[in-house]
Amino acid sequence: MAPGQDNKEKLIEVACNLFATRGFRGTSIRDIARDMNMSISNIYHHFGNKEGLLLEILKHASFQLTERLHRIEEKDLDPLERFRFMLHAHLCFSMEHANESKIFSLDEEHLTPEGHQINLKIQREILQIYVNQLRILEKGGYIRSQSLTIMAFNIIAVMNWHLRWFKPDGQLTFEDTVYEIIHFILHGILNKTAEKTNYIDDNTSK
């Protein structure tokens, strides 16, 4: 990796950690420059401003997540089994990239109108993946819903919420927690016939 690119990747990592712990408003470019041991002008050179750095983090994290979800979409599996794998992959990604995932839920009031549109596009791409899979489940008779979009929003909200309360040293391991979240989601969306399948209680992810 070229030195300039290496610095850029390190900047993203450092800024991500600071944004996740102090918040976007509570982190200054000076804080990031100090932790990087570099000049403020170098950060402006790479990202333009603090918002540019935040949006770069969002793009970087969302690309990794959507790539992972798209690979699962391509799997030739029963639709319900594929959806369960997707939930599992998303939750694992959120844990592996906890700081980036927390930034997804930062208050959008900090963004300019242009930044808001970029962030909205990122969020919609992830949302659409879930809507597409829910549509497949609906056609297969697994679910019924007046709005698949609202259902997708609710599912994503449930998965994101664990970032606020999960503790690695808590009562359950992360894999046990993942199982409980997936079990809760599937019981919430499936019709009674689909609940009788073994996929809802499949424990292979644990």
N, C-alpha and C. Protein backbone atom coordinates (compact mmCIF):
# COMPACT_ATOMS: atom_id res chain seq x y z
N MET A 1 0.84 -1.19 0.00
CA MET A 1 0.00 0.00 0.00
C MET A 1 0.88 1.24 0.00
N ALA A 2 0.57 2.22 -0.83
CA ALA A 2 1.34 3.45 -0.91
C ALA A 2 1.25 4.21 0.40
N PRO A 3 2.33 4.97 0.78
CA PRO A 3 2.32 5.70 2.05
C PRO A 3 1.10 6.60 2.21
N GLY A 4 0.72 7.32 1.14
CA GLY A 4 -0.43 8.21 1.23
C GLY A 4 -1.71 7.45 1.53
N GLN A 5 -1.89 6.30 0.88
CA GLN A 5 -3.07 5.48 1.12
C GLN A 5 -3.06 4.91 2.52
N ASP A 6 -1.87 4.53 2.98
CA ASP A 6 -1.73 4.00 4.33
C ASP A 6 -2.14 5.04 5.36
N ASN A 7 -1.71 6.29 5.16
CA ASN A 7 -2.11 7.37 6.06
C ASN A 7 -3.61 7.59 6.04
N LYS A 8 -4.20 7.50 4.86
CA LYS A 8 -5.64 7.70 4.73
C LYS A 8 -6.40 6.62 5.48
N GLU A 9 -5.97 5.36 5.35
CA GLU A 9 -6.63 4.27 6.07
C GLU A 9 -6.49 4.46 7.58
N LYS A 10 -5.32 4.89 8.02
CA LYS A 10 -5.10 5.11 9.45
C LYS A 10 -5.95 6.27 9.95
N LEU A 11 -6.07 7.31 9.15
CA LEU A 11 -6.92 8.44 9.51
C LEU A 11 -8.37 7.98 9.71
N ILE A 12 -8.86 7.16 8.81
CA ILE A 12 -10.22 6.64 8.92
C ILE A 12 -10.39 5.86 10.22
N GLU A 13 -9.41 5.03 10.54
CA GLU A 13 -9.48 4.21 11.76
C GLU A 13 -9.49 5.09 13.01
N VAL A 14 -8.57 6.04 13.06
CA VAL A 14 -8.47 6.92 14.24
C VAL A 14 -9.73 7.77 14.39
N ALA A 15 -10.18 8.37 13.30
CA ALA A 15 -11.38 9.21 13.34
C ALA A 15 -12.60 8.39 13.73
N CYS A 16 -12.69 7.18 13.23
CA CYS A 16 -13.82 6.31 13.54
C CYS A 16 -13.88 6.03 15.04
N ASN A 17 -12.74 5.73 15.64
CA ASN A 17 -12.68 5.47 17.07
C ASN A 17 -13.11 6.70 17.87
N LEU A 18 -12.65 7.87 17.46
CA LEU A 18 -12.99 9.09 18.17
C LEU A 18 -14.46 9.45 18.00
N PHE A 19 -14.98 9.34 16.80
CA PHE A 19 -16.40 9.64 16.56
C PHE A 19 -17.29 8.71 17.38
N ALA A 20 -16.90 7.44 17.45
CA ALA A 20 -17.72 6.45 18.16
C ALA A 20 -17.72 6.68 19.66
N THR A 21 -16.61 7.16 20.20
CA THR A 21 -16.51 7.35 21.65
C THR A 21 -16.92 8.75 22.10
N ARG A 22 -16.60 9.76 21.30
CA ARG A 22 -16.89 11.14 21.71
C ARG A 22 -18.05 11.77 20.96
N GLY A 23 -18.48 11.11 19.88
CA GLY A 23 -19.51 11.70 19.04
C GLY A 23 -18.89 12.61 17.99
N PHE A 24 -19.68 12.89 16.95
CA PHE A 24 -19.18 13.73 15.86
C PHE A 24 -18.91 15.15 16.34
N ARG A 25 -19.87 15.71 17.08
CA ARG A 25 -19.70 17.08 17.56
C ARG A 25 -18.58 17.18 18.59
N GLY A 26 -18.39 16.15 19.38
CA GLY A 26 -17.37 16.19 20.43
C GLY A 26 -15.97 15.91 19.94
N THR A 27 -15.81 15.63 18.67
CA THR A 27 -14.49 15.36 18.10
C THR A 27 -14.11 16.47 17.13
N SER A 28 -12.93 17.00 17.28
CA SER A 28 -12.46 18.05 16.39
C SER A 28 -11.39 17.51 15.45
N ILE A 29 -11.17 18.22 14.38
CA ILE A 29 -10.08 17.86 13.47
C ILE A 29 -8.75 17.91 14.21
N ARG A 30 -8.64 18.84 15.15
CA ARG A 30 -7.41 18.94 15.95
C ARG A 30 -7.20 17.68 16.78
N ASP A 31 -8.30 17.12 17.33
CA ASP A 31 -8.18 15.87 18.10
C ASP A 31 -7.64 14.74 17.22
N ILE A 32 -8.19 14.65 16.01
CA ILE A 32 -7.77 13.59 15.09
C ILE A 32 -6.32 13.78 14.69
N ALA A 33 -5.95 15.03 14.39
CA ALA A 33 -4.57 15.33 14.00
C ALA A 33 -3.59 15.00 15.12
N ARG A 34 -4.00 15.30 16.35
CA ARG A 34 -3.13 15.01 17.49
C ARG A 34 -2.92 13.51 17.65
N ASP A 35 -4.00 12.73 17.54
CA ASP A 35 -3.86 11.28 17.68
C ASP A 35 -3.08 10.67 16.51
N MET A 36 -3.13 11.32 15.37
CA MET A 36 -2.38 10.84 14.20
C MET A 36 -0.96 11.37 14.17
N ASN A 37 -0.68 12.36 15.03
CA ASN A 37 0.63 13.01 15.02
C ASN A 37 0.94 13.59 13.64
N MET A 38 -0.05 14.31 13.09
CA MET A 38 0.13 14.94 11.80
C MET A 38 -0.53 16.32 11.82
N SER A 39 -0.28 17.09 10.80
CA SER A 39 -0.85 18.43 10.75
C SER A 39 -2.31 18.39 10.33
N ILE A 40 -3.06 19.41 10.75
CA ILE A 40 -4.46 19.51 10.38
C ILE A 40 -4.61 19.63 8.86
N SER A 41 -3.67 20.30 8.23
CA SER A 41 -3.74 20.51 6.78
C SER A 41 -3.72 19.18 6.02
N ASN A 42 -3.02 18.18 6.57
CA ASN A 42 -2.99 16.87 5.92
C ASN A 42 -4.37 16.21 5.91
N ILE A 43 -5.11 16.39 6.98
CA ILE A 43 -6.46 15.82 7.05
C ILE A 43 -7.37 16.52 6.05
N TYR A 44 -7.27 17.85 5.99
CA TYR A 44 -8.07 18.59 5.01
C TYR A 44 -7.70 18.18 3.59
N HIS A 45 -6.43 17.87 3.38
CA HIS A 45 -5.98 17.44 2.05
C HIS A 45 -6.67 16.15 1.63
N HIS A 46 -6.80 15.21 2.55
CA HIS A 46 -7.38 13.90 2.24
C HIS A 46 -8.90 13.95 2.15
N PHE A 47 -9.57 14.72 3.03
CA PHE A 47 -11.03 14.62 3.15
C PHE A 47 -11.78 15.93 3.02
N GLY A 48 -11.09 17.04 2.93
CA GLY A 48 -11.76 18.33 2.77
C GLY A 48 -12.17 18.96 4.08
N ASN A 49 -12.91 18.24 4.91
CA ASN A 49 -13.31 18.73 6.23
C ASN A 49 -13.75 17.54 7.10
N LYS A 50 -14.26 17.85 8.30
CA LYS A 50 -14.65 16.77 9.22
C LYS A 50 -15.81 15.96 8.67
N GLU A 51 -16.76 16.60 8.04
CA GLU A 51 -17.88 15.88 7.45
C GLU A 51 -17.40 14.95 6.34
N GLY A 52 -16.44 15.41 5.54
CA GLY A 52 -15.90 14.57 4.49
C GLY A 52 -15.28 13.30 5.05
N LEU A 53 -14.63 13.44 6.19
CA LEU A 53 -14.03 12.28 6.85
C LEU A 53 -15.12 11.34 7.36
N LEU A 54 -16.17 11.89 7.96
CA LEU A 54 -17.28 11.07 8.44
C LEU A 54 -17.94 10.30 7.30
N LEU A 55 -18.18 10.99 6.19
CA LEU A 55 -18.84 10.34 5.05
C LEU A 55 -17.95 9.25 4.45
N GLU A 56 -16.64 9.47 4.48
CA GLU A 56 -15.73 8.45 3.97
C GLU A 56 -15.80 7.19 4.84
N ILE A 57 -15.94 7.37 6.15
CA ILE A 57 -16.09 6.23 7.05
C ILE A 57 -17.38 5.47 6.74
N LEU A 58 -18.46 6.22 6.55
CA LEU A 58 -19.75 5.61 6.23
C LEU A 58 -19.69 4.82 4.92
N LYS A 59 -19.06 5.42 3.91
CA LYS A 59 -18.94 4.74 2.62
C LYS A 59 -18.11 3.47 2.76
N HIS A 60 -17.01 3.58 3.48
CA HIS A 60 -16.09 2.45 3.66
C HIS A 60 -16.80 1.29 4.36
N ALA A 61 -17.51 1.60 5.45
CA ALA A 61 -18.19 0.55 6.21
C ALA A 61 -19.37 -0.04 5.44
N SER A 62 -20.15 0.82 4.79
CA SER A 62 -21.33 0.34 4.07
C SER A 62 -20.93 -0.54 2.89
N PHE A 63 -19.81 -0.21 2.23
CA PHE A 63 -19.35 -1.03 1.11
C PHE A 63 -19.03 -2.44 1.60
N GLN A 64 -18.33 -2.54 2.72
CA GLN A 64 -17.99 -3.86 3.26
C GLN A 64 -19.24 -4.65 3.64
N LEU A 65 -20.19 -3.96 4.28
CA LEU A 65 -21.41 -4.63 4.70
C LEU A 65 -22.25 -5.08 3.51
N THR A 66 -22.46 -4.19 2.56
CA THR A 66 -23.30 -4.55 1.40
C THR A 66 -22.65 -5.65 0.57
N GLU A 67 -21.33 -5.64 0.47
CA GLU A 67 -20.65 -6.73 -0.24
C GLU A 67 -20.93 -8.07 0.43
N ARG A 68 -20.88 -8.07 1.75
CA ARG A 68 -21.13 -9.31 2.49
C ARG A 68 -22.58 -9.76 2.30
N LEU A 69 -23.52 -8.83 2.35
CA LEU A 69 -24.92 -9.18 2.19
C LEU A 69 -25.23 -9.63 0.77
N HIS A 70 -24.62 -8.97 -0.22
CA HIS A 70 -24.85 -9.36 -1.61
C HIS A 70 -24.34 -10.78 -1.88
N ARG A 71 -23.24 -11.16 -1.26
CA ARG A 71 -22.73 -12.53 -1.45
C ARG A 71 -23.73 -13.55 -0.93
N ILE A 72 -24.39 -13.21 0.18
CA ILE A 72 -25.40 -14.12 0.72
C ILE A 72 -26.63 -14.16 -0.18
N GLU A 73 -27.00 -13.01 -0.75
CA GLU A 73 -28.13 -12.96 -1.67
C GLU A 73 -27.96 -13.94 -2.82
N GLU A 74 -26.72 -14.15 -3.23
CA GLU A 74 -26.45 -15.00 -4.39
C GLU A 74 -26.45 -16.49 -4.06
N LYS A 75 -26.54 -16.84 -2.78
CA LYS A 75 -26.50 -18.24 -2.38
C LYS A 75 -27.80 -18.94 -2.79
N ASP A 76 -27.66 -20.14 -3.30
CA ASP A 76 -28.82 -20.94 -3.72
C ASP A 76 -29.34 -21.71 -2.51
N LEU A 77 -30.14 -21.03 -1.70
CA LEU A 77 -30.66 -21.61 -0.47
C LEU A 77 -32.17 -21.39 -0.40
N ASP A 78 -32.80 -22.12 0.49
CA ASP A 78 -34.19 -21.82 0.80
C ASP A 78 -34.26 -20.35 1.24
N PRO A 79 -35.25 -19.58 0.79
CA PRO A 79 -35.31 -18.15 1.10
C PRO A 79 -35.24 -17.82 2.58
N LEU A 80 -35.88 -18.63 3.41
CA LEU A 80 -35.86 -18.36 4.85
C LEU A 80 -34.50 -18.65 5.45
N GLU A 81 -33.87 -19.71 4.99
CA GLU A 81 -32.52 -20.03 5.47
C GLU A 81 -31.54 -18.93 5.04
N ARG A 82 -31.67 -18.48 3.79
CA ARG A 82 -30.80 -17.41 3.30
C ARG A 82 -31.00 -16.13 4.12
N PHE A 83 -32.24 -15.82 4.45
CA PHE A 83 -32.51 -14.62 5.23
C PHE A 83 -31.90 -14.73 6.63
N ARG A 84 -31.98 -15.90 7.21
CA ARG A 84 -31.38 -16.10 8.53
C ARG A 84 -29.87 -15.92 8.47
N PHE A 85 -29.24 -16.45 7.41
CA PHE A 85 -27.80 -16.26 7.24
C PHE A 85 -27.47 -14.78 7.08
N MET A 86 -28.34 -14.05 6.40
CA MET A 86 -28.11 -12.62 6.19
C MET A 86 -28.15 -11.87 7.52
N LEU A 87 -29.14 -12.19 8.35
CA LEU A 87 -29.22 -11.56 9.67
C LEU A 87 -27.96 -11.86 10.49
N HIS A 88 -27.55 -13.10 10.44
CA HIS A 88 -26.36 -13.51 11.20
C HIS A 88 -25.12 -12.75 10.71
N ALA A 89 -24.96 -12.66 9.40
CA ALA A 89 -23.80 -11.97 8.83
C ALA A 89 -23.80 -10.49 9.20
N HIS A 90 -24.97 -9.87 9.16
CA HIS A 90 -25.09 -8.46 9.49
C HIS A 90 -24.73 -8.21 10.95
N LEU A 91 -25.24 -9.04 11.83
CA LEU A 91 -24.96 -8.88 13.25
C LEU A 91 -23.47 -9.09 13.55
N CYS A 92 -22.88 -10.08 12.91
CA CYS A 92 -21.45 -10.33 13.11
C CYS A 92 -20.61 -9.17 12.58
N PHE A 93 -21.00 -8.62 11.44
CA PHE A 93 -20.30 -7.46 10.90
C PHE A 93 -20.37 -6.30 11.88
N SER A 94 -21.54 -6.08 12.47
CA SER A 94 -21.72 -4.98 13.41
C SER A 94 -20.80 -5.13 14.62
N MET A 95 -20.58 -6.36 15.06
CA MET A 95 -19.67 -6.57 16.18
C MET A 95 -18.22 -6.40 15.76
N GLU A 96 -17.87 -6.95 14.61
CA GLU A 96 -16.49 -6.83 14.12
C GLU A 96 -16.11 -5.39 13.83
N HIS A 97 -17.10 -4.60 13.43
CA HIS A 97 -16.88 -3.19 13.09
C HIS A 97 -17.80 -2.32 13.94
N ALA A 98 -17.70 -2.50 15.25
CA ALA A 98 -18.64 -1.85 16.17
C ALA A 98 -18.59 -0.33 16.07
N ASN A 99 -17.39 0.25 15.97
CA ASN A 99 -17.30 1.71 15.90
C ASN A 99 -17.95 2.25 14.64
N GLU A 100 -17.65 1.62 13.50
CA GLU A 100 -18.26 2.06 12.25
C GLU A 100 -19.78 1.93 12.31
N SER A 101 -20.25 0.82 12.90
CA SER A 101 -21.69 0.59 12.98
C SER A 101 -22.38 1.63 13.86
N LYS A 102 -21.71 2.04 14.93
CA LYS A 102 -22.28 3.07 15.79
C LYS A 102 -22.41 4.40 15.05
N ILE A 103 -21.47 4.68 14.17
CA ILE A 103 -21.49 5.94 13.43
C ILE A 103 -22.68 6.01 12.50
N PHE A 104 -23.18 4.85 12.05
CA PHE A 104 -24.36 4.84 11.18
C PHE A 104 -25.55 5.52 11.85
N SER A 105 -25.58 5.48 13.18
CA SER A 105 -26.73 6.04 13.90
C SER A 105 -26.46 7.43 14.47
N LEU A 106 -25.37 8.07 14.04
CA LEU A 106 -25.10 9.43 14.49
C LEU A 106 -26.23 10.36 14.08
N ASP A 107 -26.48 11.35 14.89
CA ASP A 107 -27.55 12.32 14.60
C ASP A 107 -27.24 13.05 13.30
N GLU A 108 -28.18 12.98 12.34
CA GLU A 108 -27.95 13.57 11.03
C GLU A 108 -27.98 15.10 11.04
N GLU A 109 -28.34 15.70 12.16
CA GLU A 109 -28.37 17.16 12.20
C GLU A 109 -26.97 17.75 12.03
N HIS A 110 -25.94 16.92 12.21
CA HIS A 110 -24.58 17.40 12.05
C HIS A 110 -24.16 17.49 10.58
N LEU A 111 -24.96 16.92 9.70
CA LEU A 111 -24.59 16.86 8.29
C LEU A 111 -25.17 18.04 7.51
N THR A 112 -24.43 18.46 6.49
CA THR A 112 -24.96 19.45 5.55
C THR A 112 -26.02 18.78 4.68
N PRO A 113 -26.83 19.54 3.96
CA PRO A 113 -27.81 18.91 3.05
C PRO A 113 -27.16 17.94 2.07
N GLU A 114 -25.97 18.29 1.57
CA GLU A 114 -25.27 17.40 0.63
C GLU A 114 -24.83 16.12 1.35
N GLY A 115 -24.31 16.29 2.57
CA GLY A 115 -23.90 15.12 3.34
C GLY A 115 -25.07 14.23 3.72
N HIS A 116 -26.20 14.86 4.01
CA HIS A 116 -27.41 14.11 4.34
C HIS A 116 -27.83 13.24 3.17
N GLN A 117 -27.76 13.75 1.95
CA GLN A 117 -28.15 12.99 0.77
C GLN A 117 -27.23 11.80 0.54
N ILE A 118 -25.94 12.00 0.78
CA ILE A 118 -24.98 10.90 0.64
C ILE A 118 -25.27 9.82 1.66
N ASN A 119 -25.49 10.23 2.91
CA ASN A 119 -25.79 9.27 3.97
C ASN A 119 -27.11 8.55 3.70
N LEU A 120 -28.09 9.28 3.19
CA LEU A 120 -29.38 8.67 2.86
C LEU A 120 -29.24 7.61 1.79
N LYS A 121 -28.41 7.87 0.80
CA LYS A 121 -28.17 6.91 -0.26
C LYS A 121 -27.54 5.63 0.29
N ILE A 122 -26.61 5.79 1.22
CA ILE A 122 -25.97 4.64 1.85
C ILE A 122 -27.00 3.81 2.61
N GLN A 123 -27.83 4.49 3.41
CA GLN A 123 -28.82 3.80 4.21
C GLN A 123 -29.86 3.09 3.33
N ARG A 124 -30.23 3.75 2.24
CA ARG A 124 -31.24 3.15 1.35
C ARG A 124 -30.73 1.89 0.68
N GLU A 125 -29.45 1.85 0.37
CA GLU A 125 -28.90 0.65 -0.28
C GLU A 125 -29.02 -0.56 0.64
N ILE A 126 -28.70 -0.36 1.91
CA ILE A 126 -28.82 -1.46 2.88
C ILE A 126 -30.28 -1.84 3.07
N LEU A 127 -31.13 -0.81 3.21
CA LEU A 127 -32.56 -1.06 3.38
C LEU A 127 -33.12 -1.86 2.20
N GLN A 128 -32.72 -1.52 0.98
CA GLN A 128 -33.26 -2.17 -0.20
C GLN A 128 -32.88 -3.64 -0.26
N ILE A 129 -31.70 -3.98 0.23
CA ILE A 129 -31.31 -5.39 0.27
C ILE A 129 -32.31 -6.18 1.09
N TYR A 130 -32.70 -5.63 2.24
CA TYR A 130 -33.65 -6.32 3.11
C TYR A 130 -35.05 -6.35 2.51
N VAL A 131 -35.47 -5.26 1.90
CA VAL A 131 -36.78 -5.23 1.26
C VAL A 131 -36.85 -6.30 0.17
N ASN A 132 -35.78 -6.43 -0.61
CA ASN A 132 -35.75 -7.43 -1.69
C ASN A 132 -35.90 -8.85 -1.13
N GLN A 133 -35.19 -9.13 -0.04
CA GLN A 133 -35.27 -10.47 0.54
C GLN A 133 -36.62 -10.71 1.19
N LEU A 134 -37.19 -9.68 1.80
CA LEU A 134 -38.53 -9.82 2.38
C LEU A 134 -39.57 -10.05 1.29
N ARG A 135 -39.38 -9.44 0.15
CA ARG A 135 -40.31 -9.65 -0.97
C ARG A 135 -40.27 -11.11 -1.44
N ILE A 136 -39.07 -11.67 -1.44
CA ILE A 136 -38.94 -13.09 -1.81
C ILE A 136 -39.65 -13.97 -0.79
N LEU A 137 -39.47 -13.63 0.49
CA LEU A 137 -40.15 -14.40 1.54
C LEU A 137 -41.67 -14.27 1.42
N GLU A 138 -42.12 -13.08 1.07
CA GLU A 138 -43.56 -12.86 0.92
C GLU A 138 -44.11 -13.70 -0.24
N LYS A 139 -43.40 -13.72 -1.35
CA LYS A 139 -43.85 -14.51 -2.50
C LYS A 139 -43.85 -16.01 -2.17
N GLY A 140 -42.95 -16.40 -1.27
CA GLY A 140 -42.90 -17.81 -0.89
C GLY A 140 -43.91 -18.17 0.19
N GLY A 141 -44.68 -17.20 0.65
CA GLY A 141 -45.70 -17.46 1.64
C GLY A 141 -45.21 -17.49 3.08
N TYR A 142 -43.97 -17.06 3.30
CA TYR A 142 -43.41 -17.09 4.66
C TYR A 142 -43.92 -15.93 5.52
N ILE A 143 -44.18 -14.78 4.90
CA ILE A 143 -44.59 -13.60 5.64
C ILE A 143 -45.75 -12.91 4.94
N ARG A 144 -46.44 -12.06 5.71
CA ARG A 144 -47.44 -11.16 5.16
C ARG A 144 -47.24 -9.81 5.83
N SER A 145 -47.26 -8.76 5.05
CA SER A 145 -47.05 -7.43 5.62
C SER A 145 -47.71 -6.38 4.75
N GLN A 146 -48.28 -5.35 5.38
CA GLN A 146 -48.83 -4.24 4.63
C GLN A 146 -47.73 -3.36 4.06
N SER A 147 -46.55 -3.41 4.66
CA SER A 147 -45.42 -2.62 4.17
C SER A 147 -44.12 -3.34 4.45
N LEU A 148 -43.49 -3.86 3.40
CA LEU A 148 -42.19 -4.53 3.56
C LEU A 148 -41.11 -3.54 3.95
N THR A 149 -41.27 -2.29 3.54
CA THR A 149 -40.28 -1.27 3.90
C THR A 149 -40.28 -1.03 5.40
N ILE A 150 -41.47 -0.90 5.99
CA ILE A 150 -41.55 -0.71 7.44
C ILE A 150 -40.99 -1.92 8.17
N MET A 151 -41.30 -3.11 7.65
CA MET A 151 -40.77 -4.33 8.26
C MET A 151 -39.25 -4.33 8.21
N ALA A 152 -38.67 -3.91 7.08
CA ALA A 152 -37.21 -3.86 6.95
C ALA A 152 -36.62 -2.84 7.92
N PHE A 153 -37.26 -1.67 8.05
CA PHE A 153 -36.80 -0.67 9.01
C PHE A 153 -36.78 -1.25 10.43
N ASN A 154 -37.84 -1.96 10.80
CA ASN A 154 -37.92 -2.54 12.13
C ASN A 154 -36.83 -3.58 12.38
N ILE A 155 -36.58 -4.41 11.38
CA ILE A 155 -35.54 -5.44 11.51
C ILE A 155 -34.17 -4.80 11.71
N ILE A 156 -33.85 -3.81 10.89
CA ILE A 156 -32.56 -3.14 11.00
C ILE A 156 -32.43 -2.43 12.34
N ALA A 157 -33.52 -1.83 12.80
CA ALA A 157 -33.50 -1.14 14.10
C ALA A 157 -33.20 -2.12 15.23
N VAL A 158 -33.82 -3.29 15.19
CA VAL A 158 -33.57 -4.30 16.22
C VAL A 158 -32.10 -4.71 16.21
N MET A 159 -31.55 -4.92 15.02
CA MET A 159 -30.14 -5.35 14.94
C MET A 159 -29.19 -4.25 15.38
N ASN A 160 -29.50 -3.00 15.06
CA ASN A 160 -28.61 -1.91 15.45
C ASN A 160 -28.65 -1.62 16.94
N TRP A 161 -29.77 -1.91 17.56
CA TRP A 161 -29.93 -1.54 18.97
C TRP A 161 -28.95 -2.28 19.88
N HIS A 162 -28.53 -3.49 19.48
CA HIS A 162 -27.63 -4.23 20.36
C HIS A 162 -26.30 -3.51 20.55
N LEU A 163 -25.96 -2.59 19.64
CA LEU A 163 -24.72 -1.84 19.78
C LEU A 163 -24.73 -0.97 21.03
N ARG A 164 -25.92 -0.64 21.52
CA ARG A 164 -26.03 0.21 22.71
C ARG A 164 -26.00 -0.59 24.01
N TRP A 165 -26.45 -1.85 23.96
CA TRP A 165 -26.58 -2.56 25.23
C TRP A 165 -25.72 -3.80 25.37
N PHE A 166 -25.22 -4.36 24.27
CA PHE A 166 -24.45 -5.60 24.40
C PHE A 166 -23.11 -5.36 25.09
N LYS A 167 -22.79 -6.22 26.07
CA LYS A 167 -21.52 -6.18 26.77
C LYS A 167 -20.80 -7.52 26.60
N PRO A 168 -19.56 -7.50 26.08
CA PRO A 168 -18.84 -8.76 25.86
C PRO A 168 -18.72 -9.62 27.11
N ASP A 169 -18.72 -8.98 28.30
CA ASP A 169 -18.59 -9.73 29.55
C ASP A 169 -19.94 -9.94 30.22
N GLY A 170 -21.02 -9.82 29.44
CA GLY A 170 -22.36 -9.98 29.99
C GLY A 170 -22.76 -11.43 30.18
N GLN A 171 -24.04 -11.63 30.46
CA GLN A 171 -24.54 -12.97 30.77
C GLN A 171 -24.43 -13.92 29.59
N LEU A 172 -24.68 -13.42 28.37
CA LEU A 172 -24.62 -14.25 27.18
C LEU A 172 -23.41 -13.91 26.32
N THR A 173 -22.88 -14.91 25.63
CA THR A 173 -21.83 -14.65 24.66
C THR A 173 -22.42 -13.91 23.48
N PHE A 174 -21.56 -13.41 22.59
CA PHE A 174 -22.09 -12.71 21.44
C PHE A 174 -22.88 -13.66 20.54
N GLU A 175 -22.38 -14.88 20.33
CA GLU A 175 -23.10 -15.83 19.49
C GLU A 175 -24.46 -16.18 20.08
N ASP A 176 -24.53 -16.31 21.40
CA ASP A 176 -25.83 -16.56 22.04
C ASP A 176 -26.75 -15.36 21.84
N THR A 177 -26.19 -14.17 21.93
CA THR A 177 -26.98 -12.96 21.73
C THR A 177 -27.48 -12.87 20.29
N VAL A 178 -26.62 -13.20 19.33
CA VAL A 178 -27.01 -13.21 17.92
C VAL A 178 -28.18 -14.16 17.72
N TYR A 179 -28.09 -15.33 18.30
CA TYR A 179 -29.17 -16.31 18.17
C TYR A 179 -30.48 -15.75 18.72
N GLU A 180 -30.42 -15.12 19.88
CA GLU A 180 -31.63 -14.57 20.50
C GLU A 180 -32.24 -13.46 19.63
N ILE A 181 -31.40 -12.61 19.05
CA ILE A 181 -31.91 -11.52 18.21
C ILE A 181 -32.56 -12.08 16.95
N ILE A 182 -31.90 -13.04 16.31
CA ILE A 182 -32.46 -13.64 15.09
C ILE A 182 -33.76 -14.36 15.41
N HIS A 183 -33.79 -15.09 16.51
CA HIS A 183 -34.99 -15.80 16.93
C HIS A 183 -36.14 -14.81 17.13
N PHE A 184 -35.85 -13.69 17.77
CA PHE A 184 -36.86 -12.66 18.02
C PHE A 184 -37.38 -12.07 16.71
N ILE A 185 -36.47 -11.76 15.79
CA ILE A 185 -36.87 -11.18 14.51
C ILE A 185 -37.75 -12.14 13.71
N LEU A 186 -37.33 -13.39 13.62
CA LEU A 186 -38.08 -14.35 12.83
C LEU A 186 -39.46 -14.62 13.42
N HIS A 187 -39.55 -14.70 14.73
CA HIS A 187 -40.87 -14.88 15.34
C HIS A 187 -41.75 -13.67 15.08
N GLY A 188 -41.13 -12.50 14.90
CA GLY A 188 -41.91 -11.29 14.69
C GLY A 188 -42.44 -11.14 13.27
N ILE A 189 -41.78 -11.76 12.29
CA ILE A 189 -42.19 -11.53 10.90
C ILE A 189 -42.87 -12.72 10.24
N LEU A 190 -42.63 -13.93 10.74
CA LEU A 190 -43.14 -15.11 10.05
C LEU A 190 -44.60 -15.39 10.37
N ASN A 191 -45.31 -15.92 9.40
CA ASN A 191 -46.67 -16.37 9.67
C ASN A 191 -46.61 -17.71 10.39
N LYS A 192 -47.74 -18.18 10.87
CA LYS A 192 -47.77 -19.38 11.72
C LYS A 192 -47.26 -20.63 11.01
N THR A 193 -47.54 -20.74 9.73
CA THR A 193 -47.08 -21.92 8.98
C THR A 193 -45.57 -21.95 8.89
N ALA A 194 -44.98 -20.80 8.58
CA ALA A 194 -43.52 -20.72 8.44
C ALA A 194 -42.82 -20.95 9.76
N GLU A 195 -43.45 -20.55 10.87
CA GLU A 195 -42.83 -20.73 12.19
C GLU A 195 -42.61 -22.20 12.53
N LYS A 196 -43.36 -23.08 11.85
CA LYS A 196 -43.25 -24.50 12.15
C LYS A 196 -42.01 -25.13 11.50
N THR A 197 -41.34 -24.39 10.60
CA THR A 197 -40.12 -24.92 10.00
C THR A 197 -39.00 -24.91 11.02
N ASN A 198 -37.96 -25.67 10.74
CA ASN A 198 -36.85 -25.74 11.69
C ASN A 198 -35.90 -24.56 11.56
N TYR A 199 -36.06 -23.70 10.57
CA TYR A 199 -35.11 -22.61 10.36
C TYR A 199 -35.15 -21.60 11.50
N ILE A 200 -36.31 -21.39 12.07
CA ILE A 200 -36.42 -20.37 13.10
C ILE A 200 -35.64 -20.75 14.36
N ASP A 201 -35.50 -22.05 14.59
CA ASP A 201 -34.79 -22.50 15.77
C ASP A 201 -33.45 -23.15 15.43
N ASP A 202 -33.00 -22.93 14.20
CA ASP A 202 -31.71 -23.51 13.79
C ASP A 202 -30.61 -22.92 14.64
N ASN A 203 -29.83 -23.77 15.27
CA ASN A 203 -28.81 -23.31 16.20
C ASN A 203 -27.41 -23.45 15.62
N THR A 204 -27.31 -23.62 14.31
CA THR A 204 -25.99 -23.85 13.72
C THR A 204 -25.12 -22.62 13.76
N SER A 205 -25.72 -21.43 13.94
CA SER A 205 -24.91 -20.21 13.97
C SER A 205 -24.24 -20.02 15.31
N LYS A 206 -24.63 -20.82 16.30
CA LYS A 206 -24.07 -20.63 17.63
C LYS A 206 -22.72 -21.32 17.77
